[in-house]
Amino acid sequence: MTTSVRRAPERNENAAGRDGDPANSRPAVLGEVRMHIAVELGYPSDIGAQCAAVRREVIERLRTWAGMDVSELAVSVERLHSVHSRHTDRERVR
């Protein structure tokens, strides 16, 4: 996993948001994160859906726990594990 973090820019508390609400009515953002995560997945499976689920979970946790926005999150598959090979040590899967 690689990560880069930058502090959020100072906000003018008197500035208005796009919809006319005061900018300070939004939750405070402490910083911004760019992240790359490598995962190992079972195969066969819906790899795209699993990567999307990882992306959603990481983004939500960073917002909730750290008060950070995620500007970029790349999820790559480092290794696939055959669900068939988990049951035998020597049998070859064709």
PDB file of N, CA and C in Angstrom:
ATOM      1  N   MET A   1       0.858  -1.168   0.000  1.00  0.00           N
ATOM      2  CA  MET A   1       0.000   0.000   0.000  1.00  0.00           C
ATOM      3  C   MET A   1       0.901   1.227   0.000  1.00  0.00           C
ATOM      4  N   THR A   2       0.583   2.168  -0.829  1.00  0.00           N
ATOM      5  CA  THR A   2       1.276   3.454  -0.829  1.00  0.00           C
ATOM      6  C   THR A   2       0.245   4.546  -0.592  1.00  0.00           C
ATOM      7  N   THR A   3       0.649   5.555   0.139  1.00  0.00           N
ATOM      8  CA  THR A   3      -0.274   6.624   0.507  1.00  0.00           C
ATOM      9  C   THR A   3       0.440   7.956   0.489  1.00  0.00           C
ATOM     10  N   SER A   4      -0.252   8.985   0.046  1.00  0.00           N
ATOM     11  CA  SER A   4       0.240  10.344   0.234  1.00  0.00           C
ATOM     12  C   SER A   4      -0.896  11.163   0.827  1.00  0.00           C
ATOM     13  N   VAL A   5      -0.562  11.961   1.809  1.00  0.00           N
ATOM     14  CA  VAL A   5      -1.563  12.739   2.541  1.00  0.00           C
ATOM     15  C   VAL A   5      -1.171  14.201   2.477  1.00  0.00           C
ATOM     16  N   ARG A   6      -2.165  15.051   2.295  1.00  0.00           N
ATOM     17  CA  ARG A   6      -1.893  16.487   2.347  1.00  0.00           C
ATOM     18  C   ARG A   6      -2.954  17.148   3.209  1.00  0.00           C
ATOM     19  N   ARG A   7      -2.536  18.162   3.904  1.00  0.00           N
ATOM     20  CA  ARG A   7      -3.426  18.897   4.799  1.00  0.00           C
ATOM     21  C   ARG A   7      -4.472  19.650   3.987  1.00  0.00           C
ATOM     22  N   ALA A   8      -5.669  19.722   4.519  1.00  0.00           N
ATOM     23  CA  ALA A   8      -6.748  20.454   3.847  1.00  0.00           C
ATOM     24  C   ALA A   8      -6.429  21.935   3.859  1.00  0.00           C
ATOM     25  N   PRO A   9      -6.797  22.638   2.787  1.00  0.00           N
ATOM     26  CA  PRO A   9      -6.578  24.089   2.772  1.00  0.00           C
ATOM     27  C   PRO A   9      -7.445  24.774   3.828  1.00  0.00           C
ATOM     28  N   GLU A  10      -6.958  25.878   4.329  1.00  0.00           N
ATOM     29  CA  GLU A  10      -7.733  26.655   5.296  1.00  0.00           C
ATOM     30  C   GLU A  10      -8.994  27.166   4.623  1.00  0.00           C
ATOM     31  N   ARG A  11     -10.124  27.067   5.314  1.00  0.00           N
ATOM     32  CA  ARG A  11     -11.380  27.551   4.740  1.00  0.00           C
ATOM     33  C   ARG A  11     -11.778  28.859   5.380  1.00  0.00           C
ATOM     34  N   ASN A  12     -12.349  29.706   4.580  1.00  0.00           N
ATOM     35  CA  ASN A  12     -12.898  30.958   5.074  1.00  0.00           C
ATOM     36  C   ASN A  12     -14.265  30.640   5.669  1.00  0.00           C
ATOM     37  N   GLU A  13     -14.443  30.820   6.957  1.00  0.00           N
ATOM     38  CA  GLU A  13     -15.684  30.449   7.617  1.00  0.00           C
ATOM     39  C   GLU A  13     -16.865  31.284   7.173  1.00  0.00           C
ATOM     40  N   ASN A  14     -16.643  32.438   6.544  1.00  0.00           N
ATOM     41  CA  ASN A  14     -17.735  33.269   6.059  1.00  0.00           C
ATOM     42  C   ASN A  14     -18.115  32.952   4.616  1.00  0.00           C
ATOM     43  N   ALA A  15     -17.338  32.056   3.974  1.00  0.00           N
ATOM     44  CA  ALA A  15     -17.610  31.730   2.573  1.00  0.00           C
ATOM     45  C   ALA A  15     -18.861  30.884   2.476  1.00  0.00           C
ATOM     46  N   ALA A  16     -19.605  31.052   1.418  1.00  0.00           N
ATOM     47  CA  ALA A  16     -20.823  30.266   1.197  1.00  0.00           C
ATOM     48  C   ALA A  16     -20.517  29.133   0.252  1.00  0.00           C
ATOM     49  N   GLY A  17     -21.215  28.012   0.449  1.00  0.00           N
ATOM     50  CA  GLY A  17     -21.085  26.874  -0.440  1.00  0.00           C
ATOM     51  C   GLY A  17     -21.827  27.138  -1.735  1.00  0.00           C
ATOM     52  N   ARG A  18     -21.762  26.180  -2.641  1.00  0.00           N
ATOM     53  CA  ARG A  18     -22.404  26.333  -3.942  1.00  0.00           C
ATOM     54  C   ARG A  18     -23.910  26.463  -3.837  1.00  0.00           C
ATOM     55  N   ASP A  19     -24.497  25.787  -2.865  1.00  0.00           N
ATOM     56  CA  ASP A  19     -25.958  25.832  -2.752  1.00  0.00           C
ATOM     57  C   ASP A  19     -26.426  26.928  -1.796  1.00  0.00           C
ATOM     58  N   GLY A  20     -25.535  27.809  -1.388  1.00  0.00           N
ATOM     59  CA  GLY A  20     -25.906  28.932  -0.540  1.00  0.00           C
ATOM     60  C   GLY A  20     -25.766  28.662   0.938  1.00  0.00           C
ATOM     61  N   ASP A  21     -25.529  27.408   1.330  1.00  0.00           N
ATOM     62  CA  ASP A  21     -25.320  27.088   2.743  1.00  0.00           C
ATOM     63  C   ASP A  21     -23.934  27.549   3.159  1.00  0.00           C
ATOM     64  N   PRO A  22     -23.763  27.942   4.388  1.00  0.00           N
ATOM     65  CA  PRO A  22     -22.424  28.318   4.843  1.00  0.00           C
ATOM     66  C   PRO A  22     -21.467  27.144   4.705  1.00  0.00           C
ATOM     67  N   ALA A  23     -20.229  27.426   4.347  1.00  0.00           N
ATOM     68  CA  ALA A  23     -19.224  26.383   4.157  1.00  0.00           C
ATOM     69  C   ALA A  23     -18.984  25.607   5.440  1.00  0.00           C
ATOM     70  N   ASN A  24     -19.148  26.248   6.584  1.00  0.00           N
ATOM     71  CA  ASN A  24     -18.864  25.551   7.834  1.00  0.00           C
ATOM     72  C   ASN A  24     -19.993  24.630   8.266  1.00  0.00           C
ATOM     73  N   SER A  25     -21.073  24.523   7.504  1.00  0.00           N
ATOM     74  CA  SER A  25     -22.126  23.568   7.849  1.00  0.00           C
ATOM     75  C   SER A  25     -21.737  22.161   7.421  1.00  0.00           C
ATOM     76  N   ARG A  26     -20.745  22.036   6.548  1.00  0.00           N
ATOM     77  CA  ARG A  26     -20.244  20.725   6.141  1.00  0.00           C
ATOM     78  C   ARG A  26     -19.264  20.228   7.191  1.00  0.00           C
ATOM     79  N   PRO A  27     -19.110  18.889   7.307  1.00  0.00           N
ATOM     80  CA  PRO A  27     -18.135  18.373   8.268  1.00  0.00           C
ATOM     81  C   PRO A  27     -16.730  18.857   7.924  1.00  0.00           C
ATOM     82  N   ALA A  28     -15.943  19.107   8.941  1.00  0.00           N
ATOM     83  CA  ALA A  28     -14.571  19.565   8.734  1.00  0.00           C
ATOM     84  C   ALA A  28     -13.757  18.464   8.077  1.00  0.00           C
ATOM     85  N   VAL A  29     -12.979  18.819   7.082  1.00  0.00           N
ATOM     86  CA  VAL A  29     -12.084  17.884   6.409  1.00  0.00           C
ATOM     87  C   VAL A  29     -10.676  18.234   6.854  1.00  0.00           C
ATOM     88  N   LEU A  30      -9.989  17.254   7.399  1.00  0.00           N
ATOM     89  CA  LEU A  30      -8.655  17.504   7.938  1.00  0.00           C
ATOM     90  C   LEU A  30      -7.561  17.370   6.893  1.00  0.00           C
ATOM     91  N   GLY A  31      -7.837  16.673   5.822  1.00  0.00           N
ATOM     92  CA  GLY A  31      -6.818  16.488   4.796  1.00  0.00           C
ATOM     93  C   GLY A  31      -7.356  15.694   3.630  1.00  0.00           C
ATOM     94  N   GLU A  32      -6.454  15.411   2.702  1.00  0.00           N
ATOM     95  CA  GLU A  32      -6.805  14.677   1.495  1.00  0.00           C
ATOM     96  C   GLU A  32      -5.817  13.544   1.314  1.00  0.00           C
ATOM     97  N   VAL A  33      -6.308  12.399   0.868  1.00  0.00           N
ATOM     98  CA  VAL A  33      -5.487  11.202   0.740  1.00  0.00           C
ATOM     99  C   VAL A  33      -5.494  10.716  -0.699  1.00  0.00           C
ATOM    100  N   ARG A  34      -4.328  10.329  -1.168  1.00  0.00           N
ATOM    101  CA  ARG A  34      -4.184   9.575  -2.416  1.00  0.00           C
ATOM    102  C   ARG A  34      -3.587   8.237  -2.010  1.00  0.00           C
ATOM    103  N   MET A  35      -4.193   7.140  -2.450  1.00  0.00           N
ATOM    104  CA  MET A  35      -3.785   5.844  -1.933  1.00  0.00           C
ATOM    105  C   MET A  35      -3.809   4.784  -3.027  1.00  0.00           C
ATOM    106  N   HIS A  36      -2.898   3.821  -2.918  1.00  0.00           N
ATOM    107  CA  HIS A  36      -2.890   2.641  -3.771  1.00  0.00           C
ATOM    108  C   HIS A  36      -2.859   1.428  -2.855  1.00  0.00           C
ATOM    109  N   ILE A  37      -3.794   0.516  -3.059  1.00  0.00           N
ATOM    110  CA  ILE A  37      -3.893  -0.689  -2.238  1.00  0.00           C
ATOM    111  C   ILE A  37      -3.786  -1.901  -3.147  1.00  0.00           C
ATOM    112  N   ALA A  38      -3.001  -2.895  -2.737  1.00  0.00           N
ATOM    113  CA  ALA A  38      -2.919  -4.170  -3.444  1.00  0.00           C
ATOM    114  C   ALA A  38      -3.628  -5.220  -2.603  1.00  0.00           C
ATOM    115  N   VAL A  39      -4.470  -6.035  -3.254  1.00  0.00           N
ATOM    116  CA  VAL A  39      -5.249  -7.039  -2.541  1.00  0.00           C
ATOM    117  C   VAL A  39      -5.011  -8.422  -3.138  1.00  0.00           C
ATOM    118  N   GLU A  40      -5.312  -9.441  -2.353  1.00  0.00           N
ATOM    119  CA  GLU A  40      -5.328 -10.822  -2.812  1.00  0.00           C
ATOM    120  C   GLU A  40      -6.772 -11.277  -2.769  1.00  0.00           C
ATOM    121  N   LEU A  41      -7.238 -11.871  -3.864  1.00  0.00           N
ATOM    122  CA  LEU A  41      -8.641 -12.268  -3.974  1.00  0.00           C
ATOM    123  C   LEU A  41      -8.776 -13.729  -4.347  1.00  0.00           C
ATOM    124  N   GLY A  42      -9.915 -14.294  -3.986  1.00  0.00           N
ATOM    125  CA  GLY A  42     -10.263 -15.631  -4.425  1.00  0.00           C
ATOM    126  C   GLY A  42     -10.728 -15.586  -5.868  1.00  0.00           C
ATOM    127  N   TYR A  43     -10.480 -16.696  -6.605  1.00  0.00           N
ATOM    128  CA  TYR A  43     -10.882 -16.758  -8.000  1.00  0.00           C
ATOM    129  C   TYR A  43     -11.441 -18.139  -8.269  1.00  0.00           C
ATOM    130  N   PRO A  44     -12.471 -18.340  -8.986  1.00  0.00           N
ATOM    131  CA  PRO A  44     -13.206 -17.355  -9.762  1.00  0.00           C
ATOM    132  C   PRO A  44     -14.140 -16.530  -8.885  1.00  0.00           C
ATOM    133  N   SER A  45     -14.272 -15.274  -9.234  1.00  0.00           N
ATOM    134  CA  SER A  45     -15.162 -14.354  -8.534  1.00  0.00           C
ATOM    135  C   SER A  45     -15.337 -13.111  -9.388  1.00  0.00           C
ATOM    136  N   ASP A  46     -16.186 -12.212  -8.942  1.00  0.00           N
ATOM    137  CA  ASP A  46     -16.373 -10.934  -9.628  1.00  0.00           C
ATOM    138  C   ASP A  46     -15.307  -9.978  -9.106  1.00  0.00           C
ATOM    139  N   ILE A  47     -14.179  -9.946  -9.759  1.00  0.00           N
ATOM    140  CA  ILE A  47     -13.028  -9.172  -9.296  1.00  0.00           C
ATOM    141  C   ILE A  47     -13.346  -7.684  -9.255  1.00  0.00           C
ATOM    142  N   GLY A  48     -14.043  -7.189 -10.269  1.00  0.00           N
ATOM    143  CA  GLY A  48     -14.400  -5.770 -10.301  1.00  0.00           C
ATOM    144  C   GLY A  48     -15.270  -5.371  -9.124  1.00  0.00           C
ATOM    145  N   ALA A  49     -16.242  -6.217  -8.793  1.00  0.00           N
ATOM    146  CA  ALA A  49     -17.129  -5.919  -7.661  1.00  0.00           C
ATOM    147  C   ALA A  49     -16.369  -5.961  -6.341  1.00  0.00           C
ATOM    148  N   GLN A  50     -15.436  -6.907  -6.204  1.00  0.00           N
ATOM    149  CA  GLN A  50     -14.652  -6.977  -4.965  1.00  0.00           C
ATOM    150  C   GLN A  50     -13.749  -5.755  -4.814  1.00  0.00           C
ATOM    151  N   CYS A  51     -13.131  -5.308  -5.896  1.00  0.00           N
ATOM    152  CA  CYS A  51     -12.286  -4.112  -5.838  1.00  0.00           C
ATOM    153  C   CYS A  51     -13.121  -2.876  -5.529  1.00  0.00           C
ATOM    154  N   ALA A  52     -14.321  -2.782  -6.107  1.00  0.00           N
ATOM    155  CA  ALA A  52     -15.216  -1.651  -5.823  1.00  0.00           C
ATOM    156  C   ALA A  52     -15.628  -1.648  -4.359  1.00  0.00           C
ATOM    157  N   ALA A  53     -15.889  -2.837  -3.787  1.00  0.00           N
ATOM    158  CA  ALA A  53     -16.267  -2.928  -2.373  1.00  0.00           C
ATOM    159  C   ALA A  53     -15.116  -2.486  -1.470  1.00  0.00           C
ATOM    160  N   VAL A  54     -13.894  -2.876  -1.809  1.00  0.00           N
ATOM    161  CA  VAL A  54     -12.715  -2.440  -1.045  1.00  0.00           C
ATOM    162  C   VAL A  54     -12.591  -0.929  -1.117  1.00  0.00           C
ATOM    163  N   ARG A  55     -12.754  -0.376  -2.309  1.00  0.00           N
ATOM    164  CA  ARG A  55     -12.643   1.073  -2.509  1.00  0.00           C
ATOM    165  C   ARG A  55     -13.669   1.817  -1.661  1.00  0.00           C
ATOM    166  N   ARG A  56     -14.937   1.376  -1.705  1.00  0.00           N
ATOM    167  CA  ARG A  56     -15.995   2.032  -0.917  1.00  0.00           C
ATOM    168  C   ARG A  56     -15.706   1.961   0.580  1.00  0.00           C
ATOM    169  N   GLU A  57     -15.281   0.812   1.053  1.00  0.00           N
ATOM    170  CA  GLU A  57     -15.012   0.627   2.484  1.00  0.00           C
ATOM    171  C   GLU A  57     -13.862   1.515   2.961  1.00  0.00           C
ATOM    172  N   VAL A  58     -12.779   1.565   2.202  1.00  0.00           N
ATOM    173  CA  VAL A  58     -11.622   2.384   2.591  1.00  0.00           C
ATOM    174  C   VAL A  58     -11.993   3.864   2.588  1.00  0.00           C
ATOM    175  N   ILE A  59     -12.704   4.316   1.559  1.00  0.00           N
ATOM    176  CA  ILE A  59     -13.109   5.724   1.484  1.00  0.00           C
ATOM    177  C   ILE A  59     -13.996   6.091   2.667  1.00  0.00           C
ATOM    178  N   GLU A  60     -14.968   5.245   2.976  1.00  0.00           N
ATOM    179  CA  GLU A  60     -15.879   5.535   4.094  1.00  0.00           C
ATOM    180  C   GLU A  60     -15.129   5.574   5.431  1.00  0.00           C
ATOM    181  N   ARG A  61     -14.232   4.629   5.640  1.00  0.00           N
ATOM    182  CA  ARG A  61     -13.482   4.603   6.908  1.00  0.00           C
ATOM    183  C   ARG A  61     -12.563   5.812   7.048  1.00  0.00           C
ATOM    184  N   LEU A  62     -11.904   6.215   5.975  1.00  0.00           N
ATOM    185  CA  LEU A  62     -11.043   7.388   6.062  1.00  0.00           C
ATOM    186  C   LEU A  62     -11.847   8.645   6.344  1.00  0.00           C
ATOM    187  N   ARG A  63     -13.018   8.781   5.745  1.00  0.00           N
ATOM    188  CA  ARG A  63     -13.867   9.948   6.022  1.00  0.00           C
ATOM    189  C   ARG A  63     -14.350   9.938   7.466  1.00  0.00           C
ATOM    190  N   THR A  64     -14.813   8.779   7.930  1.00  0.00           N
ATOM    191  CA  THR A  64     -15.389   8.674   9.268  1.00  0.00           C
ATOM    192  C   THR A  64     -14.332   8.764  10.361  1.00  0.00           C
ATOM    193  N   TRP A  65     -13.274   8.000  10.252  1.00  0.00           N
ATOM    194  CA  TRP A  65     -12.290   7.893  11.323  1.00  0.00           C
ATOM    195  C   TRP A  65     -11.246   9.000  11.306  1.00  0.00           C
ATOM    196  N   ALA A  66     -10.859   9.448  10.114  1.00  0.00           N
ATOM    197  CA  ALA A  66      -9.752  10.398  10.034  1.00  0.00           C
ATOM    198  C   ALA A  66     -10.178  11.769   9.541  1.00  0.00           C
ATOM    199  N   GLY A  67     -11.436  11.928   9.109  1.00  0.00           N
ATOM    200  CA  GLY A  67     -11.885  13.217   8.592  1.00  0.00           C
ATOM    201  C   GLY A  67     -11.157  13.623   7.335  1.00  0.00           C
ATOM    202  N   MET A  68     -10.852  12.644   6.472  1.00  0.00           N
ATOM    203  CA  MET A  68     -10.081  12.925   5.270  1.00  0.00           C
ATOM    204  C   MET A  68     -10.878  12.540   4.030  1.00  0.00           C
ATOM    205  N   ASP A  69     -10.756  13.372   2.997  1.00  0.00           N
ATOM    206  CA  ASP A  69     -11.333  13.063   1.696  1.00  0.00           C
ATOM    207  C   ASP A  69     -10.334  12.238   0.907  1.00  0.00           C
ATOM    208  N   VAL A  70     -10.832  11.321   0.110  1.00  0.00           N
ATOM    209  CA  VAL A  70      -9.973  10.497  -0.733  1.00  0.00           C
ATOM    210  C   VAL A  70     -10.060  11.034  -2.158  1.00  0.00           C
ATOM    211  N   SER A  71      -8.973  11.619  -2.639  1.00  0.00           N
ATOM    212  CA  SER A  71      -8.977  12.190  -3.989  1.00  0.00           C
ATOM    213  C   SER A  71      -8.674  11.131  -5.033  1.00  0.00           C
ATOM    214  N   GLU A  72      -7.962  10.087  -4.645  1.00  0.00           N
ATOM    215  CA  GLU A  72      -7.615   9.026  -5.578  1.00  0.00           C
ATOM    216  C   GLU A  72      -7.389   7.750  -4.784  1.00  0.00           C
ATOM    217  N   LEU A  73      -8.000   6.661  -5.222  1.00  0.00           N
ATOM    218  CA  LEU A  73      -7.794   5.365  -4.575  1.00  0.00           C
ATOM    219  C   LEU A  73      -7.749   4.300  -5.651  1.00  0.00           C
ATOM    220  N   ALA A  74      -6.573   3.751  -5.871  1.00  0.00           N
ATOM    221  CA  ALA A  74      -6.392   2.682  -6.841  1.00  0.00           C
ATOM    222  C   ALA A  74      -6.312   1.363  -6.099  1.00  0.00           C
ATOM    223  N   VAL A  75      -7.100   0.394  -6.531  1.00  0.00           N
ATOM    224  CA  VAL A  75      -7.069  -0.941  -5.957  1.00  0.00           C
ATOM    225  C   VAL A  75      -6.565  -1.877  -7.055  1.00  0.00           C
ATOM    226  N   SER A  76      -5.455  -2.543  -6.798  1.00  0.00           N
ATOM    227  CA  SER A  76      -4.935  -3.495  -7.774  1.00  0.00           C
ATOM    228  C   SER A  76      -4.910  -4.885  -7.163  1.00  0.00           C
ATOM    229  N   VAL A  77      -5.045  -5.871  -8.018  1.00  0.00           N
ATOM    230  CA  VAL A  77      -5.041  -7.263  -7.573  1.00  0.00           C
ATOM    231  C   VAL A  77      -3.618  -7.782  -7.680  1.00  0.00           C
ATOM    232  N   GLU A  78      -3.042  -8.089  -6.526  1.00  0.00           N
ATOM    233  CA  GLU A  78      -1.661  -8.570  -6.481  1.00  0.00           C
ATOM    234  C   GLU A  78      -1.583 -10.068  -6.750  1.00  0.00           C
ATOM    235  N   ARG A  79      -2.577 -10.812  -6.251  1.00  0.00           N
ATOM    236  CA  ARG A  79      -2.545 -12.259  -6.382  1.00  0.00           C
ATOM    237  C   ARG A  79      -3.961 -12.797  -6.364  1.00  0.00           C
ATOM    238  N   LEU A  80      -4.192 -13.830  -7.162  1.00  0.00           N
ATOM    239  CA  LEU A  80      -5.464 -14.546  -7.160  1.00  0.00           C
ATOM    240  C   LEU A  80      -5.244 -15.923  -6.560  1.00  0.00           C
ATOM    241  N   HIS A  81      -6.181 -16.339  -5.713  1.00  0.00           N
ATOM    242  CA  HIS A  81      -6.133 -17.670  -5.106  1.00  0.00           C
ATOM    243  C   HIS A  81      -7.306 -18.473  -5.636  1.00  0.00           C
ATOM    244  N   SER A  82      -7.030 -19.616  -6.233  1.00  0.00           N
ATOM    245  CA  SER A  82      -8.104 -20.464  -6.729  1.00  0.00           C
ATOM    246  C   SER A  82      -8.856 -21.077  -5.561  1.00  0.00           C
ATOM    247  N   VAL A  83     -10.179 -20.966  -5.582  1.00  0.00           N
ATOM    248  CA  VAL A  83     -10.979 -21.570  -4.514  1.00  0.00           C
ATOM    249  C   VAL A  83     -10.863 -23.083  -4.581  1.00  0.00           C
ATOM    250  N   HIS A  84     -10.536 -23.628  -5.751  1.00  0.00           N
ATOM    251  CA  HIS A  84     -10.389 -25.075  -5.900  1.00  0.00           C
ATOM    252  C   HIS A  84      -9.102 -25.576  -5.264  1.00  0.00           C
ATOM    253  N   SER A  85      -8.056 -24.782  -5.287  1.00  0.00           N
ATOM    254  CA  SER A  85      -6.770 -25.224  -4.749  1.00  0.00           C
ATOM    255  C   SER A  85      -6.734 -25.194  -3.229  1.00  0.00           C
ATOM    256  N   ARG A  86      -7.690 -24.576  -2.601  1.00  0.00           N
ATOM    257  CA  ARG A  86      -7.720 -24.546  -1.134  1.00  0.00           C
ATOM    258  C   ARG A  86      -8.044 -25.916  -0.554  1.00  0.00           C
ATOM    259  N   HIS A  87      -8.721 -26.750  -1.327  1.00  0.00           N
ATOM    260  CA  HIS A  87      -9.187 -28.038  -0.814  1.00  0.00           C
ATOM    261  C   HIS A  87      -8.157 -29.154  -0.980  1.00  0.00           C
ATOM    262  N   THR A  88      -7.235 -29.015  -1.893  1.00  0.00           N
ATOM    263  CA  THR A  88      -6.207 -30.032  -2.081  1.00  0.00           C
ATOM    264  C   THR A  88      -4.862 -29.355  -2.208  1.00  0.00           C
ATOM    265  N   ASP A  89      -3.833 -30.038  -1.740  1.00  0.00           N
ATOM    266  CA  ASP A  89      -2.492 -29.473  -1.828  1.00  0.00           C
ATOM    267  C   ASP A  89      -1.771 -29.906  -3.093  1.00  0.00           C
ATOM    268  N   ARG A  90      -2.121 -31.074  -3.629  1.00  0.00           N
ATOM    269  CA  ARG A  90      -1.351 -31.616  -4.737  1.00  0.00           C
ATOM    270  C   ARG A  90      -2.147 -31.697  -6.041  1.00  0.00           C
ATOM    271  N   GLU A  91      -3.422 -31.671  -5.962  1.00  0.00           N
ATOM    272  CA  GLU A  91      -4.235 -31.828  -7.172  1.00  0.00           C
ATOM    273  C   GLU A  91      -4.186 -30.581  -8.018  1.00  0.00           C
ATOM    274  N   ARG A  92      -4.008 -30.769  -9.312  1.00  0.00           N
ATOM    275  CA  ARG A  92      -3.926 -29.655 -10.251  1.00  0.00           C
ATOM    276  C   ARG A  92      -5.319 -29.269 -10.731  1.00  0.00           C
ATOM    277  N   VAL A  93      -5.574 -27.983 -10.800  1.00  0.00           N
ATOM    278  CA  VAL A  93      -6.853 -27.484 -11.279  1.00  0.00           C
ATOM    279  C   VAL A  93      -6.743 -27.233 -12.774  1.00  0.00           C
ATOM    280  N   ARG A  94      -7.695 -27.781 -13.542  1.00  0.00           N
ATOM    281  CA  ARG A  94      -7.663 -27.607 -15.012  1.00  0.00           C
ATOM    282  C   ARG A  94      -8.788 -26.743 -15.458  1.00  0.00           C
TER     283      ARG A  94
END
